[in-house]
């Protein structure tokens, strides 16, 4: 079997071809600031997946921190300021 055929065959029972996996990993790589800013285009799929997990964890921490700061801001604001902030968040 040619290497082209073996790359386009289905990966396991997931229904996603190897070419689709390569494309998805490449798209992930473009979304990750840590990898996107590197000079080398050659990064292993495992490294891209590790960086993706790390990036998602950091985004979760950032959301948690911002949520906490917003809660503190709302708690320390008078009712008019809190109403304005809530109104802005609902838009």
PDB file of N, CA and C in Angstrom:
ATOM      1  N   UNK A   1       0.845  -1.171   0.000  1.00  0.00           N
ATOM      2  CA  UNK A   1       0.000   0.000   0.000  1.00  0.00           C
ATOM      3  C   UNK A   1       0.893   1.237   0.000  1.00  0.00           C
ATOM      4  N   UNK A   2       0.577   2.226  -0.811  1.00  0.00           N
ATOM      5  CA  UNK A   2       1.414   3.424  -0.867  1.00  0.00           C
ATOM      6  C   UNK A   2       1.287   4.238   0.409  1.00  0.00           C
ATOM      7  N   UNK A   3       2.272   5.102   0.648  1.00  0.00           N
ATOM      8  CA  UNK A   3       2.229   5.922   1.862  1.00  0.00           C
ATOM      9  C   UNK A   3       1.060   6.897   1.804  1.00  0.00           C
ATOM     10  N   UNK A   4       0.681   7.344   0.622  1.00  0.00           N
ATOM     11  CA  UNK A   4      -0.462   8.252   0.476  1.00  0.00           C
ATOM     12  C   UNK A   4      -1.741   7.551   0.897  1.00  0.00           C
ATOM     13  N   UNK A   5      -1.910   6.322   0.480  1.00  0.00           N
ATOM     14  CA  UNK A   5      -3.104   5.567   0.863  1.00  0.00           C
ATOM     15  C   UNK A   5      -3.133   5.303   2.359  1.00  0.00           C
ATOM     16  N   UNK A   6      -1.980   4.952   2.918  1.00  0.00           N
ATOM     17  CA  UNK A   6      -1.960   4.628   4.344  1.00  0.00           C
ATOM     18  C   UNK A   6      -2.247   5.870   5.183  1.00  0.00           C
ATOM     19  N   UNK A   7      -1.854   7.062   4.711  1.00  0.00           N
ATOM     20  CA  UNK A   7      -2.136   8.286   5.452  1.00  0.00           C
ATOM     21  C   UNK A   7      -3.610   8.666   5.370  1.00  0.00           C
ATOM     22  N   UNK A   8      -4.283   8.310   4.303  1.00  0.00           N
ATOM     23  CA  UNK A   8      -5.673   8.725   4.159  1.00  0.00           C
ATOM     24  C   UNK A   8      -6.661   7.683   4.685  1.00  0.00           C
ATOM     25  N   UNK A   9      -6.147   6.545   5.146  1.00  0.00           N
ATOM     26  CA  UNK A   9      -7.058   5.535   5.675  1.00  0.00           C
ATOM     27  C   UNK A   9      -7.660   5.998   6.999  1.00  0.00           C
ATOM     28  N   UNK A  10      -8.691   5.353   7.425  1.00  0.00           N
ATOM     29  CA  UNK A  10      -9.376   5.728   8.659  1.00  0.00           C
ATOM     30  C   UNK A  10      -8.533   5.354   9.863  1.00  0.00           C
ATOM     31  N   UNK A  11      -8.476   6.254  10.846  1.00  0.00           N
ATOM     32  CA  UNK A  11      -7.741   5.991  12.079  1.00  0.00           C
ATOM     33  C   UNK A  11      -8.652   5.286  13.059  1.00  0.00           C
ATOM     34  N   UNK A  12      -8.423   4.023  13.269  1.00  0.00           N
ATOM     35  CA  UNK A  12      -9.237   3.260  14.214  1.00  0.00           C
ATOM     36  C   UNK A  12     -10.701   3.292  13.833  1.00  0.00           C
ATOM     37  N   UNK A  13     -11.555   3.364  14.832  1.00  0.00           N
ATOM     38  CA  UNK A  13     -12.994   3.378  14.577  1.00  0.00           C
ATOM     39  C   UNK A  13     -13.583   4.782  14.717  1.00  0.00           C
ATOM     40  N   UNK A  14     -12.718   5.793  14.857  1.00  0.00           N
ATOM     41  CA  UNK A  14     -13.201   7.154  15.092  1.00  0.00           C
ATOM     42  C   UNK A  14     -13.814   7.777  13.854  1.00  0.00           C
ATOM     43  N   UNK A  15     -13.500   7.274  12.680  1.00  0.00           N
ATOM     44  CA  UNK A  15     -14.050   7.828  11.458  1.00  0.00           C
ATOM     45  C   UNK A  15     -13.308   9.064  10.979  1.00  0.00           C
ATOM     46  N   UNK A  16     -12.176   9.374  11.589  1.00  0.00           N
ATOM     47  CA  UNK A  16     -11.387  10.529  11.175  1.00  0.00           C
ATOM     48  C   UNK A  16     -10.127  10.001  10.499  1.00  0.00           C
ATOM     49  N   UNK A  17      -9.872  10.506   9.314  1.00  0.00           N
ATOM     50  CA  UNK A  17      -8.691  10.048   8.582  1.00  0.00           C
ATOM     51  C   UNK A  17      -7.430  10.684   9.154  1.00  0.00           C
ATOM     52  N   UNK A  18      -6.300  10.087   8.838  1.00  0.00           N
ATOM     53  CA  UNK A  18      -5.018  10.634   9.285  1.00  0.00           C
ATOM     54  C   UNK A  18      -4.816  12.042   8.739  1.00  0.00           C
ATOM     55  N   UNK A  19      -5.245  12.270   7.498  1.00  0.00           N
ATOM     56  CA  UNK A  19      -5.117  13.604   6.916  1.00  0.00           C
ATOM     57  C   UNK A  19      -5.950  14.626   7.680  1.00  0.00           C
ATOM     58  N   UNK A  20      -7.129  14.221   8.126  1.00  0.00           N
ATOM     59  CA  UNK A  20      -7.970  15.128   8.910  1.00  0.00           C
ATOM     60  C   UNK A  20      -7.327  15.435  10.259  1.00  0.00           C
ATOM     61  N   UNK A  21      -6.715  14.436  10.864  1.00  0.00           N
ATOM     62  CA  UNK A  21      -6.029  14.643  12.145  1.00  0.00           C
ATOM     63  C   UNK A  21      -4.873  15.607  11.952  1.00  0.00           C
ATOM     64  N   UNK A  22      -4.099  15.436  10.900  1.00  0.00           N
ATOM     65  CA  UNK A  22      -2.980  16.335  10.607  1.00  0.00           C
ATOM     66  C   UNK A  22      -3.488  17.760  10.420  1.00  0.00           C
ATOM     67  N   UNK A  23      -4.596  17.905   9.716  1.00  0.00           N
ATOM     68  CA  UNK A  23      -5.183  19.224   9.487  1.00  0.00           C
ATOM     69  C   UNK A  23      -5.651  19.848  10.802  1.00  0.00           C
ATOM     70  N   UNK A  24      -6.294  19.067  11.640  1.00  0.00           N
ATOM     71  CA  UNK A  24      -6.785  19.578  12.926  1.00  0.00           C
ATOM     72  C   UNK A  24      -5.636  19.984  13.847  1.00  0.00           C
ATOM     73  N   UNK A  25      -4.586  19.192  13.878  1.00  0.00           N
ATOM     74  CA  UNK A  25      -3.411  19.521  14.694  1.00  0.00           C
ATOM     75  C   UNK A  25      -2.773  20.807  14.175  1.00  0.00           C
ATOM     76  N   UNK A  26      -2.725  20.963  12.871  1.00  0.00           N
ATOM     77  CA  UNK A  26      -2.172  22.184  12.280  1.00  0.00           C
ATOM     78  C   UNK A  26      -3.011  23.407  12.668  1.00  0.00           C
ATOM     79  N   UNK A  27      -4.333  23.262  12.658  1.00  0.00           N
ATOM     80  CA  UNK A  27      -5.212  24.364  13.061  1.00  0.00           C
ATOM     81  C   UNK A  27      -5.044  24.696  14.538  1.00  0.00           C
ATOM     82  N   UNK A  28      -4.903  23.675  15.371  1.00  0.00           N
ATOM     83  CA  UNK A  28      -4.639  23.916  16.793  1.00  0.00           C
ATOM     84  C   UNK A  28      -3.334  24.674  16.973  1.00  0.00           C
ATOM     85  N   UNK A  29      -2.329  24.258  16.227  1.00  0.00           N
ATOM     86  CA  UNK A  29      -1.010  24.880  16.319  1.00  0.00           C
ATOM     87  C   UNK A  29      -1.103  26.371  16.015  1.00  0.00           C
ATOM     88  N   UNK A  30      -1.923  26.756  15.061  1.00  0.00           N
ATOM     89  CA  UNK A  30      -2.076  28.162  14.700  1.00  0.00           C
ATOM     90  C   UNK A  30      -2.785  28.964  15.790  1.00  0.00           C
ATOM     91  N   UNK A  31      -3.564  28.304  16.637  1.00  0.00           N
ATOM     92  CA  UNK A  31      -4.307  28.983  17.694  1.00  0.00           C
ATOM     93  C   UNK A  31      -3.506  29.163  18.973  1.00  0.00           C
ATOM     94  N   UNK A  32      -2.428  28.446  19.108  1.00  0.00           N
ATOM     95  CA  UNK A  32      -1.659  28.468  20.351  1.00  0.00           C
ATOM     96  C   UNK A  32      -0.548  29.501  20.287  1.00  0.00           C
ATOM     97  N   UNK A  33      -0.624  30.531  21.139  1.00  0.00           N
ATOM     98  CA  UNK A  33       0.399  31.579  21.096  1.00  0.00           C
ATOM     99  C   UNK A  33       1.803  31.038  21.357  1.00  0.00           C
ATOM    100  N   UNK A  34       1.920  30.076  22.240  1.00  0.00           N
ATOM    101  CA  UNK A  34       3.225  29.525  22.617  1.00  0.00           C
ATOM    102  C   UNK A  34       3.914  28.864  21.423  1.00  0.00           C
ATOM    103  N   UNK A  35       3.152  28.218  20.563  1.00  0.00           N
ATOM    104  CA  UNK A  35       3.723  27.523  19.398  1.00  0.00           C
ATOM    105  C   UNK A  35       3.721  28.428  18.169  1.00  0.00           C
ATOM    106  N   UNK A  36       2.685  29.217  18.012  1.00  0.00           N
ATOM    107  CA  UNK A  36       2.543  30.072  16.832  1.00  0.00           C
ATOM    108  C   UNK A  36       3.721  31.030  16.698  1.00  0.00           C
ATOM    109  N   UNK A  37       4.278  31.485  17.816  1.00  0.00           N
ATOM    110  CA  UNK A  37       5.357  32.468  17.795  1.00  0.00           C
ATOM    111  C   UNK A  37       6.744  31.862  17.598  1.00  0.00           C
ATOM    112  N   UNK A  38       6.821  30.553  17.519  1.00  0.00           N
ATOM    113  CA  UNK A  38       8.112  29.893  17.303  1.00  0.00           C
ATOM    114  C   UNK A  38       8.511  29.995  15.838  1.00  0.00           C
ATOM    115  N   UNK A  39       9.801  29.969  15.624  1.00  0.00           N
ATOM    116  CA  UNK A  39      10.334  30.067  14.251  1.00  0.00           C
ATOM    117  C   UNK A  39      10.115  28.768  13.469  1.00  0.00           C
ATOM    118  N   UNK A  40      10.243  27.643  14.130  1.00  0.00           N
ATOM    119  CA  UNK A  40      10.167  26.343  13.459  1.00  0.00           C
ATOM    120  C   UNK A  40       8.724  25.934  13.206  1.00  0.00           C
ATOM    121  N   UNK A  41       8.459  25.435  12.013  1.00  0.00           N
ATOM    122  CA  UNK A  41       7.129  24.934  11.683  1.00  0.00           C
ATOM    123  C   UNK A  41       6.939  23.493  12.142  1.00  0.00           C
ATOM    124  N   UNK A  42       8.024  22.815  12.445  1.00  0.00           N
ATOM    125  CA  UNK A  42       7.955  21.408  12.820  1.00  0.00           C
ATOM    126  C   UNK A  42       7.758  21.257  14.330  1.00  0.00           C
ATOM    127  N   UNK A  43       6.549  20.895  14.711  1.00  0.00           N
ATOM    128  CA  UNK A  43       6.228  20.617  16.102  1.00  0.00           C
ATOM    129  C   UNK A  43       5.426  19.325  16.093  1.00  0.00           C
ATOM    130  N   UNK A  44       5.749  18.426  16.996  1.00  0.00           N
ATOM    131  CA  UNK A  44       5.052  17.138  17.006  1.00  0.00           C
ATOM    132  C   UNK A  44       3.603  17.321  17.428  1.00  0.00           C
ATOM    133  N   UNK A  45       2.759  16.410  16.980  1.00  0.00           N
ATOM    134  CA  UNK A  45       1.345  16.443  17.355  1.00  0.00           C
ATOM    135  C   UNK A  45       1.194  16.325  18.864  1.00  0.00           C
ATOM    136  N   UNK A  46       2.038  15.515  19.487  1.00  0.00           N
ATOM    137  CA  UNK A  46       1.977  15.354  20.948  1.00  0.00           C
ATOM    138  C   UNK A  46       2.256  16.682  21.639  1.00  0.00           C
ATOM    139  N   UNK A  47       3.233  17.427  21.148  1.00  0.00           N
ATOM    140  CA  UNK A  47       3.575  18.728  21.733  1.00  0.00           C
ATOM    141  C   UNK A  47       2.421  19.716  21.545  1.00  0.00           C
ATOM    142  N   UNK A  48       1.802  19.691  20.375  1.00  0.00           N
ATOM    143  CA  UNK A  48       0.653  20.571  20.117  1.00  0.00           C
ATOM    144  C   UNK A  48      -0.474  20.240  21.087  1.00  0.00           C
ATOM    145  N   UNK A  49      -0.740  18.965  21.313  1.00  0.00           N
ATOM    146  CA  UNK A  49      -1.805  18.573  22.236  1.00  0.00           C
ATOM    147  C   UNK A  49      -1.456  18.947  23.675  1.00  0.00           C
ATOM    148  N   UNK A  50      -0.195  18.776  24.064  1.00  0.00           N
ATOM    149  CA  UNK A  50       0.234  19.187  25.412  1.00  0.00           C
ATOM    150  C   UNK A  50       0.070  20.690  25.599  1.00  0.00           C
ATOM    151  N   UNK A  51       0.499  21.459  24.626  1.00  0.00           N
ATOM    152  CA  UNK A  51       0.376  22.914  24.695  1.00  0.00           C
ATOM    153  C   UNK A  51      -1.089  23.352  24.695  1.00  0.00           C
ATOM    154  N   UNK A  52      -1.929  22.637  23.948  1.00  0.00           N
ATOM    155  CA  UNK A  52      -3.360  22.945  23.930  1.00  0.00           C
ATOM    156  C   UNK A  52      -3.953  22.762  25.316  1.00  0.00           C
ATOM    157  N   UNK A  53      -3.634  21.654  25.956  1.00  0.00           N
ATOM    158  CA  UNK A  53      -4.140  21.398  27.313  1.00  0.00           C
ATOM    159  C   UNK A  53      -3.643  22.463  28.283  1.00  0.00           C
ATOM    160  N   UNK A  54      -2.387  22.810  28.182  1.00  0.00           N
ATOM    161  CA  UNK A  54      -1.811  23.833  29.051  1.00  0.00           C
ATOM    162  C   UNK A  54      -2.493  25.181  28.823  1.00  0.00           C
ATOM    163  N   UNK A  55      -2.723  25.515  27.582  1.00  0.00           N
ATOM    164  CA  UNK A  55      -3.359  26.788  27.236  1.00  0.00           C
ATOM    165  C   UNK A  55      -4.802  26.838  27.745  1.00  0.00           C
ATOM    166  N   UNK A  56      -5.519  25.747  27.597  1.00  0.00           N
ATOM    167  CA  UNK A  56      -6.905  25.697  28.092  1.00  0.00           C
ATOM    168  C   UNK A  56      -6.921  25.849  29.606  1.00  0.00           C
ATOM    169  N   UNK A  57      -5.989  25.183  30.305  1.00  0.00           N
ATOM    170  CA  UNK A  57      -5.901  25.342  31.763  1.00  0.00           C
ATOM    171  C   UNK A  57      -5.640  26.792  32.146  1.00  0.00           C
ATOM    172  N   UNK A  58      -4.737  27.454  31.427  1.00  0.00           N
ATOM    173  CA  UNK A  58      -4.432  28.850  31.747  1.00  0.00           C
ATOM    174  C   UNK A  58      -5.634  29.749  31.467  1.00  0.00           C
ATOM    175  N   UNK A  59      -6.386  29.450  30.414  1.00  0.00           N
ATOM    176  CA  UNK A  59      -7.604  30.222  30.141  1.00  0.00           C
ATOM    177  C   UNK A  59      -8.640  30.021  31.243  1.00  0.00           C
ATOM    178  N   UNK A  60      -8.768  28.791  31.728  1.00  0.00           N
ATOM    179  CA  UNK A  60      -9.687  28.517  32.847  1.00  0.00           C
ATOM    180  C   UNK A  60      -9.280  29.319  34.083  1.00  0.00           C
ATOM    181  N   UNK A  61      -7.988  29.341  34.384  1.00  0.00           N
ATOM    182  CA  UNK A  61      -7.510  30.123  35.538  1.00  0.00           C
ATOM    183  C   UNK A  61      -7.813  31.605  35.353  1.00  0.00           C
ATOM    184  N   UNK A  62      -7.603  32.091  34.148  1.00  0.00           N
ATOM    185  CA  UNK A  62      -7.864  33.503  33.870  1.00  0.00           C
ATOM    186  C   UNK A  62      -9.352  33.830  34.031  1.00  0.00           C
ATOM    187  N   UNK A  63     -10.217  32.954  33.543  1.00  0.00           N
ATOM    188  CA  UNK A  63     -11.658  33.159  33.705  1.00  0.00           C
ATOM    189  C   UNK A  63     -12.029  33.137  35.184  1.00  0.00           C
ATOM    190  N   UNK A  64     -11.476  32.199  35.930  1.00  0.00           N
ATOM    191  CA  UNK A  64     -11.750  32.135  37.371  1.00  0.00           C
ATOM    192  C   UNK A  64     -11.305  33.408  38.075  1.00  0.00           C
ATOM    193  N   UNK A  65     -10.110  33.884  37.739  1.00  0.00           N
ATOM    194  CA  UNK A  65      -9.591  35.112  38.350  1.00  0.00           C
ATOM    195  C   UNK A  65     -10.466  36.311  38.013  1.00  0.00           C
ATOM    196  N   UNK A  66     -10.864  36.410  36.754  1.00  0.00           N
ATOM    197  CA  UNK A  66     -11.713  37.532  36.349  1.00  0.00           C
ATOM    198  C   UNK A  66     -13.091  37.448  37.001  1.00  0.00           C
ATOM    199  N   UNK A  67     -13.617  36.243  37.124  1.00  0.00           N
ATOM    200  CA  UNK A  67     -14.911  36.070  37.796  1.00  0.00           C
ATOM    201  C   UNK A  67     -14.833  36.498  39.254  1.00  0.00           C
ATOM    202  N   UNK A  68     -13.741  36.122  39.898  1.00  0.00           N
ATOM    203  CA  UNK A  68     -13.546  36.508  41.298  1.00  0.00           C
ATOM    204  C   UNK A  68     -13.427  38.026  41.438  1.00  0.00           C
ATOM    205  N   UNK A  69     -12.652  38.629  40.552  1.00  0.00           N
ATOM    206  CA  UNK A  69     -12.506  40.095  40.592  1.00  0.00           C
ATOM    207  C   UNK A  69     -13.842  40.793  40.344  1.00  0.00           C
ATOM    208  N   UNK A  70     -14.628  40.281  39.414  1.00  0.00           N
ATOM    209  CA  UNK A  70     -15.935  40.864  39.131  1.00  0.00           C
ATOM    210  C   UNK A  70     -16.862  40.722  40.331  1.00  0.00           C
ATOM    211  N   UNK A  71     -16.843  39.562  40.970  1.00  0.00           N
ATOM    212  CA  UNK A  71     -17.659  39.357  42.168  1.00  0.00           C
ATOM    213  C   UNK A  71     -17.285  40.339  43.265  1.00  0.00           C
ATOM    214  N   UNK A  72     -15.977  40.536  43.449  1.00  0.00           N
ATOM    215  CA  UNK A  72     -15.524  41.502  44.448  1.00  0.00           C
ATOM    216  C   UNK A  72     -15.948  42.919  44.088  1.00  0.00           C
ATOM    217  N   UNK A  73     -15.848  43.250  42.827  1.00  0.00           N
ATOM    218  CA  UNK A  73     -16.246  44.574  42.370  1.00  0.00           C
ATOM    219  C   UNK A  73     -17.733  44.808  42.612  1.00  0.00           C
ATOM    220  N   UNK A  74     -18.536  43.814  42.279  1.00  0.00           N
ATOM    221  CA  UNK A  74     -19.981  43.936  42.490  1.00  0.00           C
ATOM    222  C   UNK A  74     -20.321  44.018  43.976  1.00  0.00           C
ATOM    223  N   UNK A  75     -19.600  43.265  44.795  1.00  0.00           N
ATOM    224  CA  UNK A  75     -19.870  43.269  46.230  1.00  0.00           C
ATOM    225  C   UNK A  75     -19.491  44.596  46.875  1.00  0.00           C
ATOM    226  N   UNK A  76     -18.457  45.234  46.339  1.00  0.00           N
ATOM    227  CA  UNK A  76     -17.977  46.485  46.920  1.00  0.00           C
ATOM    228  C   UNK A  76     -18.574  47.731  46.269  1.00  0.00           C
ATOM    229  N   UNK A  77     -19.415  47.552  45.278  1.00  0.00           N
ATOM    230  CA  UNK A  77     -20.041  48.683  44.592  1.00  0.00           C
ATOM    231  C   UNK A  77     -21.378  48.987  45.234  1.00  0.00           C
ATOM    232  N   UNK A  78     -21.778  50.245  45.093  1.00  0.00           N
ATOM    233  CA  UNK A  78     -23.127  50.547  45.567  1.00  0.00           C
ATOM    234  C   UNK A  78     -24.121  49.952  44.572  1.00  0.00           C
ATOM    235  N   UNK A  79     -25.374  49.942  44.929  1.00  0.00           N
ATOM    236  CA  UNK A  79     -26.377  49.243  44.124  1.00  0.00           C
ATOM    237  C   UNK A  79     -26.522  49.840  42.731  1.00  0.00           C
ATOM    238  N   UNK A  80     -26.352  51.159  42.585  1.00  0.00           N
ATOM    239  CA  UNK A  80     -26.449  51.777  41.264  1.00  0.00           C
ATOM    240  C   UNK A  80     -25.304  51.331  40.362  1.00  0.00           C
ATOM    241  N   UNK A  81     -24.078  51.332  40.903  1.00  0.00           N
ATOM    242  CA  UNK A  81     -22.919  50.886  40.125  1.00  0.00           C
ATOM    243  C   UNK A  81     -23.040  49.413  39.761  1.00  0.00           C
ATOM    244  N   UNK A  82     -23.480  48.609  40.707  1.00  0.00           N
ATOM    245  CA  UNK A  82     -23.648  47.175  40.467  1.00  0.00           C
ATOM    246  C   UNK A  82     -24.687  46.942  39.364  1.00  0.00           C
ATOM    247  N   UNK A  83     -25.761  47.719  39.395  1.00  0.00           N
ATOM    248  CA  UNK A  83     -26.810  47.582  38.358  1.00  0.00           C
ATOM    249  C   UNK A  83     -26.256  47.949  36.980  1.00  0.00           C
ATOM    250  N   UNK A  84     -25.439  48.986  36.929  1.00  0.00           N
ATOM    251  CA  UNK A  84     -24.826  49.383  35.645  1.00  0.00           C
ATOM    252  C   UNK A  84     -23.910  48.274  35.127  1.00  0.00           C
ATOM    253  N   UNK A  85     -23.098  47.718  36.017  1.00  0.00           N
ATOM    254  CA  UNK A  85     -22.169  46.641  35.617  1.00  0.00           C
ATOM    255  C   UNK A  85     -22.960  45.422  35.134  1.00  0.00           C
ATOM    256  N   UNK A  86     -23.980  45.038  35.863  1.00  0.00           N
ATOM    257  CA  UNK A  86     -24.797  43.888  35.453  1.00  0.00           C
ATOM    258  C   UNK A  86     -25.450  44.147  34.105  1.00  0.00           C
ATOM    259  N   UNK A  87     -25.938  45.363  33.907  1.00  0.00           N
ATOM    260  CA  UNK A  87     -26.564  45.724  32.644  1.00  0.00           C
ATOM    261  C   UNK A  87     -25.564  45.615  31.494  1.00  0.00           C
ATOM    262  N   UNK A  88     -24.342  46.088  31.704  1.00  0.00           N
ATOM    263  CA  UNK A  88     -23.308  45.985  30.681  1.00  0.00           C
ATOM    264  C   UNK A  88     -22.967  44.526  30.359  1.00  0.00           C
ATOM    265  N   UNK A  89     -22.954  43.699  31.378  1.00  0.00           N
ATOM    266  CA  UNK A  89     -22.635  42.274  31.174  1.00  0.00           C
ATOM    267  C   UNK A  89     -23.725  41.552  30.401  1.00  0.00           C
ATOM    268  N   UNK A  90     -24.949  42.006  30.520  1.00  0.00           N
ATOM    269  CA  UNK A  90     -26.066  41.338  29.846  1.00  0.00           C
ATOM    270  C   UNK A  90     -26.184  41.723  28.373  1.00  0.00           C
ATOM    271  N   UNK A  91     -25.442  42.732  27.950  1.00  0.00           N
ATOM    272  CA  UNK A  91     -25.539  43.178  26.540  1.00  0.00           C
ATOM    273  C   UNK A  91     -24.787  42.280  25.630  1.00  0.00           C
TER     274      UNK A  91
END
